[in-house]
């Protein structure tokens, strides 16, 4: 019996590196050019740190400002893990 070969030319992170178009709400923060998900998350973190939106008591939580509120689905505070999930909904 032969072992099946892994798909050649396909990288594990290729889905993360695919450029995605941000929604108008997300574009206010990361810009309107298509970006890979990794860059979107990086730009979100740059914005959060620049505007001091990490919760002081629990650094894993992000406090939404007027720009982040629509991206976070109206939630005033989300965890860093939830932030990534919510941001992905704004990519197509």
Protein backbone atom coordinates (compact mmCIF):
# COMPACT_ATOMS: atom_id res chain seq x y z
CA UNK A 1 0.00 0.00 0.00
CA UNK A 2 1.35 3.42 -0.95
CA UNK A 3 1.19 6.37 1.39
CA UNK A 4 -0.64 9.38 0.02
CA UNK A 5 1.60 12.35 -0.67
CA UNK A 6 0.81 15.69 0.85
CA UNK A 7 -0.46 18.24 -1.62
CA UNK A 8 2.63 19.79 -3.13
CA UNK A 9 2.85 23.54 -3.48
CA UNK A 10 0.23 24.17 -0.81
CA UNK A 11 1.50 25.91 2.31
CA UNK A 12 -0.19 25.59 5.68
CA UNK A 13 -0.44 29.38 6.17
CA UNK A 14 -1.61 30.22 2.67
CA UNK A 15 -5.16 31.00 3.85
CA UNK A 16 -3.76 33.49 6.36
CA UNK A 17 -1.61 35.13 3.70
CA UNK A 18 -4.43 35.57 1.16
CA UNK A 19 -5.20 39.25 0.70
CA UNK A 20 -8.69 40.17 1.85
CA UNK A 21 -10.69 43.36 1.32
CA UNK A 22 -11.69 45.09 4.59
CA UNK A 23 -15.25 46.33 5.13
CA UNK A 24 -15.77 50.12 5.27
CA UNK A 25 -15.93 49.91 9.10
CA UNK A 26 -12.61 48.05 9.35
CA UNK A 27 -11.06 50.20 6.62
CA UNK A 28 -11.27 53.23 8.95
CA UNK A 29 -8.61 51.52 11.06
CA UNK A 30 -6.48 49.41 8.69
CA UNK A 31 -6.97 51.23 5.37
CA UNK A 32 -9.03 50.18 2.35
CA UNK A 33 -6.39 48.20 0.45
CA UNK A 34 -6.60 44.36 0.46
CA UNK A 35 -4.35 42.86 3.18
CA UNK A 36 -3.53 39.40 4.53
CA UNK A 37 -5.27 38.58 7.83
CA UNK A 38 -1.92 38.71 9.62
CA UNK A 39 -1.42 42.33 8.55
CA UNK A 40 -4.98 43.25 9.54
CA UNK A 41 -4.38 41.93 13.07
CA UNK A 42 -1.01 43.71 13.24
CA UNK A 43 -2.59 47.03 12.19
CA UNK A 44 -5.42 46.55 14.69
CA UNK A 45 -2.87 46.07 17.48
CA UNK A 46 -0.92 49.16 16.33
CA UNK A 47 -4.17 51.17 16.50
CA UNK A 48 -5.10 49.74 19.92
CA UNK A 49 -1.68 50.52 21.41
CA UNK A 50 -1.50 53.98 19.83
CA UNK A 51 -4.89 54.89 21.28
CA UNK A 52 -4.30 53.11 24.63
CA UNK A 53 -7.37 50.89 24.26
CA UNK A 54 -6.07 47.88 26.20
CA UNK A 55 -7.86 47.45 29.50
CA UNK A 56 -5.56 48.51 32.36
CA UNK A 57 -6.78 45.79 34.74
CA UNK A 58 -6.71 42.96 32.18
CA UNK A 59 -4.42 43.55 29.19
CA UNK A 60 -6.13 40.73 27.26
CA UNK A 61 -9.26 42.87 26.91
CA UNK A 62 -9.68 45.64 24.35
CA UNK A 63 -11.93 48.65 25.00
CA UNK A 64 -13.74 49.86 21.88
CA UNK A 65 -13.63 53.46 20.77
CA UNK A 66 -16.00 54.98 18.16
CA UNK A 67 -14.03 53.37 15.29
CA UNK A 68 -13.81 49.89 16.84
CA UNK A 69 -17.41 49.71 18.08
CA UNK A 70 -18.88 48.72 14.66
CA UNK A 71 -16.07 46.20 14.09
CA UNK A 72 -16.76 44.64 17.50
CA UNK A 73 -20.48 44.30 16.72
CA UNK A 74 -21.46 47.03 19.20
CA UNK A 75 -19.59 45.46 22.13
CA UNK A 76 -17.74 47.96 24.33
CA UNK A 77 -15.08 45.44 25.36
CA UNK A 78 -13.81 42.19 23.81
CA UNK A 79 -10.95 39.79 24.50
CA UNK A 80 -7.98 39.77 22.13
CA UNK A 81 -9.11 36.36 20.84
CA UNK A 82 -12.64 37.57 20.19
CA UNK A 83 -11.23 40.66 18.46
CA UNK A 84 -9.56 38.48 15.80
CA UNK A 85 -12.77 36.51 15.24
CA UNK A 86 -14.86 39.70 14.93
CA UNK A 87 -12.33 41.36 12.60
CA UNK A 88 -12.41 38.31 10.30
CA UNK A 89 -16.13 38.93 9.76
CA UNK A 90 -15.18 42.28 8.20
CA UNK A 91 -12.93 40.71 5.55
CA UNK A 92 -14.03 39.42 2.17
